[in-house]
PDB file of N, CA and C in Angstrom:
ATOM      1  N   MET A   1       1.065  -1.242  -0.044  1.00  0.00           N
ATOM      2  CA  MET A   1      -0.042   0.361   0.146  1.00  0.00           C
ATOM      3  C   MET A   1       0.825   1.165  -0.021  1.00  0.00           C
ATOM      4  N   LYS A   2       0.259   2.365  -0.611  1.00  0.00           N
ATOM      5  CA  LYS A   2       1.138   3.544  -0.496  1.00  0.00           C
ATOM      6  C   LYS A   2       0.202   4.871  -0.076  1.00  0.00           C
ATOM      7  N   THR A   3       0.847   5.789   0.027  1.00  0.00           N
ATOM      8  CA  THR A   3       0.052   7.137   0.418  1.00  0.00           C
ATOM      9  C   THR A   3      -1.098   7.363  -0.758  1.00  0.00           C
ATOM     10  N   LYS A   4      -1.916   7.953  -0.333  1.00  0.00           N
ATOM     11  CA  LYS A   4      -2.871   8.380  -1.296  1.00  0.00           C
ATOM     12  C   LYS A   4      -3.914   7.165  -1.696  1.00  0.00           C
ATOM     13  N   SER A   5      -3.580   6.101  -0.959  1.00  0.00           N
ATOM     14  CA  SER A   5      -4.512   5.039  -1.253  1.00  0.00           C
ATOM     15  C   SER A   5      -5.527   5.078  -0.285  1.00  0.00           C
ATOM     16  N   ASN A   6      -6.734   4.427  -0.520  1.00  0.00           N
ATOM     17  CA  ASN A   6      -7.852   4.371   0.602  1.00  0.00           C
ATOM     18  C   ASN A   6      -8.106   3.030   1.163  1.00  0.00           C
ATOM     19  N   LEU A   7      -8.397   2.987   2.533  1.00  0.00           N
ATOM     20  CA  LEU A   7      -8.539   1.814   3.049  1.00  0.00           C
ATOM     21  C   LEU A   7     -10.254   1.755   3.504  1.00  0.00           C
ATOM     22  N   LEU A   8     -11.092   0.598   2.985  1.00  0.00           N
ATOM     23  CA  LEU A   8     -12.348   0.706   3.352  1.00  0.00           C
ATOM     24  C   LEU A   8     -12.664  -0.532   4.124  1.00  0.00           C
ATOM     25  N   PHE A   9     -13.249  -0.324   5.257  1.00  0.00           N
ATOM     26  CA  PHE A   9     -13.669  -1.200   6.017  1.00  0.00           C
ATOM     27  C   PHE A   9     -15.192  -1.485   5.908  1.00  0.00           C
ATOM     28  N   LYS A  10     -15.647  -2.796   5.465  1.00  0.00           N
ATOM     29  CA  LYS A  10     -16.858  -2.775   5.309  1.00  0.00           C
ATOM     30  C   LYS A  10     -17.367  -4.121   6.182  1.00  0.00           C
ATOM     31  N   TYR A  11     -18.416  -4.133   7.231  1.00  0.00           N
ATOM     32  CA  TYR A  11     -18.683  -5.153   8.134  1.00  0.00           C
ATOM     33  C   TYR A  11     -20.174  -4.644   8.629  1.00  0.00           C
ATOM     34  N   LYS A  12     -20.986  -5.631   9.424  1.00  0.00           N
ATOM     35  CA  LYS A  12     -22.388  -5.493   9.788  1.00  0.00           C
ATOM     36  C   LYS A  12     -22.285  -4.504  10.995  1.00  0.00           C
ATOM     37  N   ALA A  13     -22.623  -3.314  10.843  1.00  0.00           N
ATOM     38  CA  ALA A  13     -22.789  -2.562  12.107  1.00  0.00           C
ATOM     39  C   ALA A  13     -24.222  -2.751  12.949  1.00  0.00           C
ATOM     40  N   PRO A  14     -24.254  -2.619  14.130  1.00  0.00           N
ATOM     41  CA  PRO A  14     -23.511  -2.506  15.165  1.00  0.00           C
ATOM     42  C   PRO A  14     -22.649  -3.570  15.842  1.00  0.00           C
ATOM     43  N   ASN A  15     -22.252  -4.541  14.965  1.00  0.00           N
ATOM     44  CA  ASN A  15     -21.651  -5.864  15.596  1.00  0.00           C
ATOM     45  C   ASN A  15     -20.224  -5.569  15.421  1.00  0.00           C
ATOM     46  N   HIS A  16     -19.749  -4.635  14.930  1.00  0.00           N
ATOM     47  CA  HIS A  16     -18.277  -4.589  14.933  1.00  0.00           C
ATOM     48  C   HIS A  16     -18.315  -3.163  14.741  1.00  0.00           C
ATOM     49  N   ASN A  17     -16.905  -2.639  15.017  1.00  0.00           N
ATOM     50  CA  ASN A  17     -16.355  -1.260  14.800  1.00  0.00           C
ATOM     51  C   ASN A  17     -14.658  -1.126  14.661  1.00  0.00           C
ATOM     52  N   VAL A  18     -14.190  -0.237  14.330  1.00  0.00           N
ATOM     53  CA  VAL A  18     -12.705   0.039  14.002  1.00  0.00           C
ATOM     54  C   VAL A  18     -12.220   0.953  14.635  1.00  0.00           C
ATOM     55  N   PHE A  19     -11.189   0.624  15.475  1.00  0.00           N
ATOM     56  CA  PHE A  19     -10.496   1.868  16.143  1.00  0.00           C
ATOM     57  C   PHE A  19      -9.059   1.684  15.731  1.00  0.00           C
ATOM     58  N   LYS A  20      -8.472   3.024  15.701  1.00  0.00           N
ATOM     59  CA  LYS A  20      -7.012   3.097  15.027  1.00  0.00           C
ATOM     60  C   LYS A  20      -6.411   3.115  16.396  1.00  0.00           C
ATOM     61  N   VAL A  21      -5.143   2.208  16.476  1.00  0.00           N
ATOM     62  CA  VAL A  21      -4.555   1.992  17.602  1.00  0.00           C
ATOM     63  C   VAL A  21      -2.914   2.109  17.182  1.00  0.00           C
ATOM     64  N   ASP A  22      -2.298   2.188  18.533  1.00  0.00           N
ATOM     65  CA  ASP A  22      -0.917   2.214  18.033  1.00  0.00           C
ATOM     66  C   ASP A  22      -0.226   0.659  18.174  1.00  0.00           C
ATOM     67  N   GLY A  23       1.131   0.364  18.022  1.00  0.00           N
ATOM     68  CA  GLY A  23       1.437  -0.839  18.161  1.00  0.00           C
ATOM     69  C   GLY A  23       1.125  -1.837  19.146  1.00  0.00           C
ATOM     70  N   ALA A  24       1.356  -1.192  20.578  1.00  0.00           N
ATOM     71  CA  ALA A  24       0.911  -1.742  21.900  1.00  0.00           C
ATOM     72  C   ALA A  24      -0.632  -2.074  22.009  1.00  0.00           C
ATOM     73  N   GLY A  25      -1.285  -1.083  21.514  1.00  0.00           N
ATOM     74  CA  GLY A  25      -2.936  -1.119  21.611  1.00  0.00           C
ATOM     75  C   GLY A  25      -3.004  -2.501  20.388  1.00  0.00           C
ATOM     76  N   PHE A  26      -2.551  -2.548  19.310  1.00  0.00           N
ATOM     77  CA  PHE A  26      -2.624  -3.680  18.633  1.00  0.00           C
ATOM     78  C   PHE A  26      -2.145  -5.107  19.053  1.00  0.00           C
ATOM     79  N   LYS A  27      -1.043  -4.947  19.671  1.00  0.00           N
ATOM     80  CA  LYS A  27      -0.305  -6.430  20.163  1.00  0.00           C
ATOM     81  C   LYS A  27      -1.733  -6.715  21.542  1.00  0.00           C
ATOM     82  N   GLU A  28      -2.002  -5.641  22.096  1.00  0.00           N
ATOM     83  CA  GLU A  28      -2.883  -6.065  23.587  1.00  0.00           C
ATOM     84  C   GLU A  28      -4.141  -5.958  23.381  1.00  0.00           C
ATOM     85  N   CYS A  29      -4.569  -5.972  22.191  1.00  0.00           N
ATOM     86  CA  CYS A  29      -5.902  -5.643  21.990  1.00  0.00           C
ATOM     87  C   CYS A  29      -6.679  -4.418  22.531  1.00  0.00           C
ATOM     88  N   THR A  30      -5.869  -3.519  22.732  1.00  0.00           N
ATOM     89  CA  THR A  30      -6.701  -2.402  23.672  1.00  0.00           C
ATOM     90  C   THR A  30      -7.124  -1.116  22.943  1.00  0.00           C
ATOM     91  N   LYS A  31      -8.043  -0.743  23.185  1.00  0.00           N
ATOM     92  CA  LYS A  31      -8.766   0.333  22.506  1.00  0.00           C
ATOM     93  C   LYS A  31      -8.352   1.629  23.021  1.00  0.00           C
ATOM     94  N   PRO A  32      -8.312   2.492  22.271  1.00  0.00           N
ATOM     95  CA  PRO A  32      -7.688   3.886  22.880  1.00  0.00           C
ATOM     96  C   PRO A  32      -8.676   4.379  24.107  1.00  0.00           C
ATOM     97  N   THR A  33      -8.240   5.090  24.800  1.00  0.00           N
ATOM     98  CA  THR A  33      -9.002   5.799  25.862  1.00  0.00           C
ATOM     99  C   THR A  33      -9.798   6.924  25.464  1.00  0.00           C
ATOM    100  N   GLU A  34     -10.841   7.578  25.947  1.00  0.00           N
ATOM    101  CA  GLU A  34     -11.682   8.644  25.499  1.00  0.00           C
ATOM    102  C   GLU A  34     -11.134   9.717  25.518  1.00  0.00           C
ATOM    103  N   ASN A  35      -9.809   9.950  26.055  1.00  0.00           N
ATOM    104  CA  ASN A  35      -9.201  11.292  25.723  1.00  0.00           C
ATOM    105  C   ASN A  35      -8.128  11.049  24.694  1.00  0.00           C
ATOM    106  N   ASP A  36      -8.054   9.995  23.547  1.00  0.00           N
ATOM    107  CA  ASP A  36      -7.499   9.955  22.493  1.00  0.00           C
ATOM    108  C   ASP A  36      -8.404  10.735  21.594  1.00  0.00           C
ATOM    109  N   LYS A  37      -7.744  11.151  20.406  1.00  0.00           N
ATOM    110  CA  LYS A  37      -8.253  11.951  19.575  1.00  0.00           C
ATOM    111  C   LYS A  37      -9.506  11.373  18.772  1.00  0.00           C
ATOM    112  N   ALA A  38      -9.106  10.186  18.126  1.00  0.00           N
ATOM    113  CA  ALA A  38     -10.144   9.426  17.380  1.00  0.00           C
ATOM    114  C   ALA A  38     -11.151   8.970  17.777  1.00  0.00           C
ATOM    115  N   PRO A  39     -12.540   9.117  17.571  1.00  0.00           N
ATOM    116  CA  PRO A  39     -13.472   8.274  17.866  1.00  0.00           C
ATOM    117  C   PRO A  39     -13.643   6.758  17.063  1.00  0.00           C
ATOM    118  N   PRO A  40     -14.076   5.826  17.457  1.00  0.00           N
ATOM    119  CA  PRO A  40     -14.292   4.455  16.827  1.00  0.00           C
ATOM    120  C   PRO A  40     -14.931   4.598  15.603  1.00  0.00           C
ATOM    121  N   LEU A  41     -14.655   4.085  14.294  1.00  0.00           N
ATOM    122  CA  LEU A  41     -15.602   4.082  13.142  1.00  0.00           C
ATOM    123  C   LEU A  41     -16.520   3.074  13.440  1.00  0.00           C
ATOM    124  N   THR A  42     -18.090   3.446  13.067  1.00  0.00           N
ATOM    125  CA  THR A  42     -19.030   2.396  13.358  1.00  0.00           C
ATOM    126  C   THR A  42     -19.873   2.507  12.451  1.00  0.00           C
ATOM    127  N   SER A  43     -19.617   2.695  10.830  1.00  0.00           N
ATOM    128  CA  SER A  43     -20.830   2.846  10.081  1.00  0.00           C
ATOM    129  C   SER A  43     -20.839   1.745   9.449  1.00  0.00           C
ATOM    130  N   GLY A  44     -20.166   0.931   9.215  1.00  0.00           N
ATOM    131  CA  GLY A  44     -20.049  -0.722   8.499  1.00  0.00           C
ATOM    132  C   GLY A  44     -19.440  -0.068   6.975  1.00  0.00           C
ATOM    133  N   ASN A  45     -19.118   0.824   6.731  1.00  0.00           N
ATOM    134  CA  ASN A  45     -18.672   1.302   5.316  1.00  0.00           C
ATOM    135  C   ASN A  45     -17.630   2.534   5.634  1.00  0.00           C
ATOM    136  N   ASP A  46     -16.586   2.281   6.538  1.00  0.00           N
ATOM    137  CA  ASP A  46     -15.674   3.238   6.730  1.00  0.00           C
ATOM    138  C   ASP A  46     -14.416   3.427   5.875  1.00  0.00           C
ATOM    139  N   LYS A  47     -14.095   4.655   5.430  1.00  0.00           N
ATOM    140  CA  LYS A  47     -13.034   4.794   4.375  1.00  0.00           C
ATOM    141  C   LYS A  47     -12.320   5.620   5.229  1.00  0.00           C
ATOM    142  N   ILE A  48     -11.084   5.264   5.006  1.00  0.00           N
ATOM    143  CA  ILE A  48      -9.702   5.816   5.452  1.00  0.00           C
ATOM    144  C   ILE A  48      -8.799   6.350   4.420  1.00  0.00           C
ATOM    145  N   LYS A  49      -8.384   7.441   4.463  1.00  0.00           N
ATOM    146  CA  LYS A  49      -7.415   7.912   3.499  1.00  0.00           C
ATOM    147  C   LYS A  49      -6.017   7.782   4.168  1.00  0.00           C
ATOM    148  N   LEU A  50      -5.129   6.799   3.370  1.00  0.00           N
ATOM    149  CA  LEU A  50      -3.705   6.963   3.878  1.00  0.00           C
ATOM    150  C   LEU A  50      -2.910   8.031   3.414  1.00  0.00           C
ATOM    151  N   THR A  51      -2.526   9.103   4.437  1.00  0.00           N
ATOM    152  CA  THR A  51      -1.747  10.273   3.809  1.00  0.00           C
ATOM    153  C   THR A  51      -0.489  10.373   4.091  1.00  0.00           C
ATOM    154  N   THR A  52      -0.100   9.542   5.213  1.00  0.00           N
ATOM    155  CA  THR A  52       1.279   9.435   5.617  1.00  0.00           C
ATOM    156  C   THR A  52       1.822   8.043   5.543  1.00  0.00           C
ATOM    157  N   ALA A  53       3.370   7.644   5.164  1.00  0.00           N
ATOM    158  CA  ALA A  53       3.713   6.379   5.293  1.00  0.00           C
ATOM    159  C   ALA A  53       3.937   5.980   6.595  1.00  0.00           C
ATOM    160  N   GLY A  54       4.005   4.689   6.974  1.00  0.00           N
ATOM    161  CA  GLY A  54       4.394   4.057   8.243  1.00  0.00           C
ATOM    162  C   GLY A  54       3.521   2.993   8.499  1.00  0.00           C
ATOM    163  N   ASN A  55       3.715   2.325   9.508  1.00  0.00           N
ATOM    164  CA  ASN A  55       2.699   1.265  10.124  1.00  0.00           C
ATOM    165  C   ASN A  55       1.559   2.023  10.682  1.00  0.00           C
ATOM    166  N   LYS A  56       0.319   1.200  10.296  1.00  0.00           N
ATOM    167  CA  LYS A  56      -1.057   1.292  10.785  1.00  0.00           C
ATOM    168  C   LYS A  56      -1.450   0.414  11.427  1.00  0.00           C
ATOM    169  N   TRP A  57      -2.157   0.178  12.569  1.00  0.00           N
ATOM    170  CA  TRP A  57      -2.955  -0.811  13.430  1.00  0.00           C
ATOM    171  C   TRP A  57      -4.404  -0.388  13.299  1.00  0.00           C
ATOM    172  N   TYR A  58      -5.050  -1.507  13.107  1.00  0.00           N
ATOM    173  CA  TYR A  58      -6.600  -1.108  13.630  1.00  0.00           C
ATOM    174  C   TYR A  58      -7.374  -2.505  14.234  1.00  0.00           C
ATOM    175  N   ILE A  59      -8.013  -2.106  15.041  1.00  0.00           N
ATOM    176  CA  ILE A  59      -8.699  -3.352  15.729  1.00  0.00           C
ATOM    177  C   ILE A  59     -10.394  -3.185  16.031  1.00  0.00           C
ATOM    178  N   CYS A  60     -11.017  -4.185  16.044  1.00  0.00           N
ATOM    179  CA  CYS A  60     -12.398  -4.332  16.427  1.00  0.00           C
ATOM    180  C   CYS A  60     -12.506  -4.426  17.756  1.00  0.00           C
ATOM    181  N   SER A  61     -13.240  -3.400  18.733  1.00  0.00           N
ATOM    182  CA  SER A  61     -13.330  -3.430  20.110  1.00  0.00           C
ATOM    183  C   SER A  61     -14.599  -3.987  20.662  1.00  0.00           C
ATOM    184  N   VAL A  62     -15.264  -4.533  19.786  1.00  0.00           N
ATOM    185  CA  VAL A  62     -16.648  -4.946  20.484  1.00  0.00           C
ATOM    186  C   VAL A  62     -16.086  -6.271  21.073  1.00  0.00           C
ATOM    187  N   SER A  63     -16.813  -6.369  22.035  1.00  0.00           N
ATOM    188  CA  SER A  63     -16.627  -8.001  22.831  1.00  0.00           C
ATOM    189  C   SER A  63     -15.049  -8.056  23.076  1.00  0.00           C
ATOM    190  N   ASN A  64     -14.745  -9.553  22.675  1.00  0.00           N
ATOM    191  CA  ASN A  64     -13.107  -9.630  22.723  1.00  0.00           C
ATOM    192  C   ASN A  64     -12.976 -10.276  21.004  1.00  0.00           C
ATOM    193  N   HIS A  65     -13.582  -9.389  20.323  1.00  0.00           N
ATOM    194  CA  HIS A  65     -13.413  -9.967  18.777  1.00  0.00           C
ATOM    195  C   HIS A  65     -11.769  -9.851  18.542  1.00  0.00           C
ATOM    196  N   CYS A  66     -11.269  -8.589  18.948  1.00  0.00           N
ATOM    197  CA  CYS A  66      -9.943  -8.702  18.443  1.00  0.00           C
ATOM    198  C   CYS A  66      -9.044  -9.788  19.426  1.00  0.00           C
ATOM    199  N   ALA A  67      -9.130  -9.987  20.705  1.00  0.00           N
ATOM    200  CA  ALA A  67      -8.130 -11.148  21.495  1.00  0.00           C
ATOM    201  C   ALA A  67      -8.360 -12.431  20.916  1.00  0.00           C
ATOM    202  N   ASP A  68      -9.867 -12.807  21.100  1.00  0.00           N
ATOM    203  CA  ASP A  68     -10.231 -13.995  20.948  1.00  0.00           C
ATOM    204  C   ASP A  68     -10.682 -14.390  19.194  1.00  0.00           C
ATOM    205  N   LYS A  69     -10.887 -13.510  18.402  1.00  0.00           N
ATOM    206  CA  LYS A  69     -11.273 -13.751  16.897  1.00  0.00           C
ATOM    207  C   LYS A  69     -10.148 -13.356  15.959  1.00  0.00           C
ATOM    208  N   GLY A  70      -9.139 -12.609  16.355  1.00  0.00           N
ATOM    209  CA  GLY A  70      -8.164 -12.067  15.345  1.00  0.00           C
ATOM    210  C   GLY A  70      -8.560 -11.010  14.718  1.00  0.00           C
ATOM    211  N   MET A  71      -9.442 -10.318  15.178  1.00  0.00           N
ATOM    212  CA  MET A  71     -10.309  -9.252  14.250  1.00  0.00           C
ATOM    213  C   MET A  71      -9.423  -7.990  14.434  1.00  0.00           C
ATOM    214  N   LYS A  72      -7.995  -7.734  13.885  1.00  0.00           N
ATOM    215  CA  LYS A  72      -7.094  -6.547  13.788  1.00  0.00           C
ATOM    216  C   LYS A  72      -6.581  -6.892  12.660  1.00  0.00           C
ATOM    217  N   LEU A  73      -6.220  -5.387  11.956  1.00  0.00           N
ATOM    218  CA  LEU A  73      -5.213  -5.581  10.822  1.00  0.00           C
ATOM    219  C   LEU A  73      -4.122  -4.372  10.959  1.00  0.00           C
ATOM    220  N   PHE A  74      -3.128  -4.896  10.349  1.00  0.00           N
ATOM    221  CA  PHE A  74      -1.576  -4.425  10.274  1.00  0.00           C
ATOM    222  C   PHE A  74      -1.214  -3.827   9.278  1.00  0.00           C
ATOM    223  N   ILE A  75      -1.130  -2.920   8.512  1.00  0.00           N
ATOM    224  CA  ILE A  75      -0.762  -2.501   7.122  1.00  0.00           C
ATOM    225  C   ILE A  75       0.786  -1.619   7.436  1.00  0.00           C
ATOM    226  N   THR A  76       1.262  -1.522   6.252  1.00  0.00           N
ATOM    227  CA  THR A  76       2.749  -0.860   6.271  1.00  0.00           C
ATOM    228  C   THR A  76       2.378  -0.038   4.990  1.00  0.00           C
ATOM    229  N   VAL A  77       2.274   1.319   5.326  1.00  0.00           N
ATOM    230  CA  VAL A  77       2.023   2.255   3.950  1.00  0.00           C
ATOM    231  C   VAL A  77       3.163   2.805   3.459  1.00  0.00           C
ATOM    232  N   ALA A  78       3.750   2.705   2.318  1.00  0.00           N
ATOM    233  CA  ALA A  78       4.686   3.298   1.584  1.00  0.00           C
ATOM    234  C   ALA A  78       4.707   4.656   1.351  1.00  0.00           C
ATOM    235  N   ASP A  79       5.651   5.478   1.183  1.00  0.00           N
ATOM    236  CA  ASP A  79       5.485   6.560   0.680  1.00  0.00           C
ATOM    237  C   ASP A  79       5.160   6.520  -1.141  1.00  0.00           C
ATOM    238  N   GLU A  80       4.300   7.366  -1.511  1.00  0.00           N
ATOM    239  CA  GLU A  80       3.899   7.072  -2.866  1.00  0.00           C
ATOM    240  C   GLU A  80       5.004   7.124  -3.990  1.00  0.00           C
ATOM    241  N   SER A  81       6.095   7.711  -3.613  1.00  0.00           N
ATOM    242  CA  SER A  81       7.365   7.478  -4.464  1.00  0.00           C
ATOM    243  C   SER A  81       7.928   6.298  -4.589  1.00  0.00           C
ATOM    244  N   SER A  82       7.902   5.484  -3.594  1.00  0.00           N
ATOM    245  CA  SER A  82       8.511   4.177  -3.437  1.00  0.00           C
ATOM    246  C   SER A  82       7.456   2.986  -3.875  1.00  0.00           C
ATOM    247  N   ALA A  83       8.301   2.221  -4.472  1.00  0.00           N
ATOM    248  CA  ALA A  83       7.760   0.968  -4.923  1.00  0.00           C
ATOM    249  C   ALA A  83       7.538  -0.226  -4.030  1.00  0.00           C
ATOM    250  N   ALA A  84       7.605  -0.116  -2.849  1.00  0.00           N
ATOM    251  CA  ALA A  84       7.700  -1.047  -2.002  1.00  0.00           C
ATOM    252  C   ALA A  84       6.320  -1.002  -1.544  1.00  0.00           C
ATOM    253  N   ARG A  85       5.383  -2.136  -1.563  1.00  0.00           N
ATOM    254  CA  ARG A  85       4.176  -2.233  -1.141  1.00  0.00           C
ATOM    255  C   ARG A  85       3.920  -3.415  -0.185  1.00  0.00           C
ATOM    256  N   SER A  86       3.302  -3.520   0.944  1.00  0.00           N
ATOM    257  CA  SER A  86       3.076  -4.576   1.671  1.00  0.00           C
ATOM    258  C   SER A  86       1.680  -4.685   2.494  1.00  0.00           C
ATOM    259  N   LEU A  87       1.292  -5.657   2.742  1.00  0.00           N
ATOM    260  CA  LEU A  87      -0.112  -5.775   3.267  1.00  0.00           C
ATOM    261  C   LEU A  87       0.174  -7.017   4.275  1.00  0.00           C
ATOM    262  N   ILE A  88       0.096  -6.615   5.216  1.00  0.00           N
ATOM    263  CA  ILE A  88       0.028  -7.888   6.497  1.00  0.00           C
ATOM    264  C   ILE A  88      -0.818  -8.103   7.236  1.00  0.00           C
ATOM    265  N   TRP A  89      -1.352  -9.302   7.293  1.00  0.00           N
ATOM    266  CA  TRP A  89      -2.713  -9.731   8.047  1.00  0.00           C
ATOM    267  C   TRP A  89      -1.962 -10.471   9.210  1.00  0.00           C
ATOM    268  N   SER A  90      -2.724  -9.927  10.149  1.00  0.00           N
ATOM    269  CA  SER A  90      -2.158 -10.636  11.496  1.00  0.00           C
ATOM    270  C   SER A  90      -3.359 -11.455  12.032  1.00  0.00           C
ATOM    271  N   GLY A  91      -2.790 -12.498  12.974  1.00  0.00           N
ATOM    272  CA  GLY A  91      -3.664 -13.376  13.897  1.00  0.00           C
ATOM    273  C   GLY A  91      -4.348 -14.509  12.464  1.00  0.00           C
ATOM    274  N   SER A  92      -5.793 -14.663  13.356  1.00  0.00           N
ATOM    275  CA  SER A  92      -6.303 -15.760  12.136  1.00  0.00           C
ATOM    276  C   SER A  92      -7.297 -14.703  11.194  1.00  0.00           C
ATOM    277  N   TYR A  93      -6.648 -14.574  10.168  1.00  0.00           N
ATOM    278  CA  TYR A  93      -7.013 -13.515   9.322  1.00  0.00           C
ATOM    279  C   TYR A  93      -8.406 -14.236   8.198  1.00  0.00           C
ATOM    280  N   GLN A  94      -8.689 -15.495   8.363  1.00  0.00           N
ATOM    281  CA  GLN A  94      -9.684 -16.039   8.038  1.00  0.00           C
ATOM    282  C   GLN A  94     -11.192 -15.492   8.331  1.00  0.00           C
ATOM    283  N   VAL A  95     -10.632 -15.384  10.027  1.00  0.00           N
ATOM    284  CA  VAL A  95     -11.971 -15.137  10.714  1.00  0.00           C
ATOM    285  C   VAL A  95     -12.370 -13.408  10.281  1.00  0.00           C
ATOM    286  N   PHE A  96     -11.054 -12.737  10.485  1.00  0.00           N
ATOM    287  CA  PHE A  96     -11.252 -11.587  10.059  1.00  0.00           C
ATOM    288  C   PHE A  96     -11.970 -11.155   8.947  1.00  0.00           C
ATOM    289  N   ILE A  97     -11.564 -11.855   7.820  1.00  0.00           N
ATOM    290  CA  ILE A  97     -11.987 -11.677   6.426  1.00  0.00           C
ATOM    291  C   ILE A  97     -13.413 -12.171   6.635  1.00  0.00           C
ATOM    292  N   ALA A  98     -13.677 -13.203   7.030  1.00  0.00           N
ATOM    293  CA  ALA A  98     -15.280 -13.747   7.392  1.00  0.00           C
ATOM    294  C   ALA A  98     -16.238 -12.796   7.685  1.00  0.00           C
ATOM    295  N   THR A  99     -15.813 -11.730   8.946  1.00  0.00           N
ATOM    296  CA  THR A  99     -16.544 -10.935   9.215  1.00  0.00           C
ATOM    297  C   THR A  99     -16.367  -9.717   8.916  1.00  0.00           C
ATOM    298  N   VAL A 100     -15.161  -9.063   8.970  1.00  0.00           N
ATOM    299  CA  VAL A 100     -15.092  -7.610   8.452  1.00  0.00           C
ATOM    300  C   VAL A 100     -14.242  -7.624   7.271  1.00  0.00           C
ATOM    301  N   ILE A 101     -14.444  -7.349   6.068  1.00  0.00           N
ATOM    302  CA  ILE A 101     -13.916  -7.433   4.968  1.00  0.00           C
ATOM    303  C   ILE A 101     -13.223  -6.041   4.723  1.00  0.00           C
ATOM    304  N   ALA A 102     -12.098  -6.087   4.661  1.00  0.00           N
ATOM    305  CA  ALA A 102     -11.368  -4.852   4.352  1.00  0.00           C
ATOM    306  C   ALA A 102     -10.933  -4.819   2.875  1.00  0.00           C
ATOM    307  N   ILE A 103     -11.432  -3.818   2.133  1.00  0.00           N
ATOM    308  CA  ILE A 103     -11.142  -3.692   0.758  1.00  0.00           C
ATOM    309  C   ILE A 103     -10.236  -2.401   0.580  1.00  0.00           C
ATOM    310  N   VAL A 104      -9.088  -2.669   0.025  1.00  0.00           N
ATOM    311  CA  VAL A 104      -8.130  -1.636  -0.398  1.00  0.00           C
ATOM    312  C   VAL A 104      -8.427  -1.158  -1.820  1.00  0.00           C
ATOM    313  N   ALA A 105      -8.805   0.268  -1.879  1.00  0.00           N
ATOM    314  CA  ALA A 105      -8.957   0.871  -3.273  1.00  0.00           C
ATOM    315  C   ALA A 105      -7.617   1.787  -3.581  1.00  0.00           C
ATOM    316  N   ILE A 106      -6.902   1.381  -4.326  1.00  0.00           N
ATOM    317  CA  ILE A 106      -5.555   2.453  -4.635  1.00  0.00           C
ATOM    318  C   ILE A 106      -6.048   3.357  -5.635  1.00  0.00           C
ATOM    319  N   VAL A 107      -5.818   4.446  -5.038  1.00  0.00           N
ATOM    320  CA  VAL A 107      -6.195   5.562  -5.984  1.00  0.00           C
ATOM    321  C   VAL A 107      -5.055   6.087  -6.841  1.00  0.00           C
ATOM    322  N   VAL A 108      -5.170   6.104  -8.234  1.00  0.00           N
ATOM    323  CA  VAL A 108      -4.029   6.187  -8.852  1.00  0.00           C
ATOM    324  C   VAL A 108      -4.031   7.505  -9.644  1.00  0.00           C
TER     325      VAL A 108
END
């Protein structure tokens, strides 16, 4: 993936949500505190514009979906000028895909 790409999370609301977390939150399946900037995405059709390069982590915080069902996503976003692209799924990605489909739309 590279900058200027869009990441689309499609899922059945309100059964799931999407929180952007840091590496520690991803590892521990810990949602951000109420003092953090970004509220969860909850529409079931959530589009994220990837504007900066680097690692990005996302989790579902409903019930124990992240910890017990592996519903979390880690991606590395490369600078638009870079040829490197990587998409890394974590945990039991089959369960993640079955219940929360992440569609990546690359804007050219």
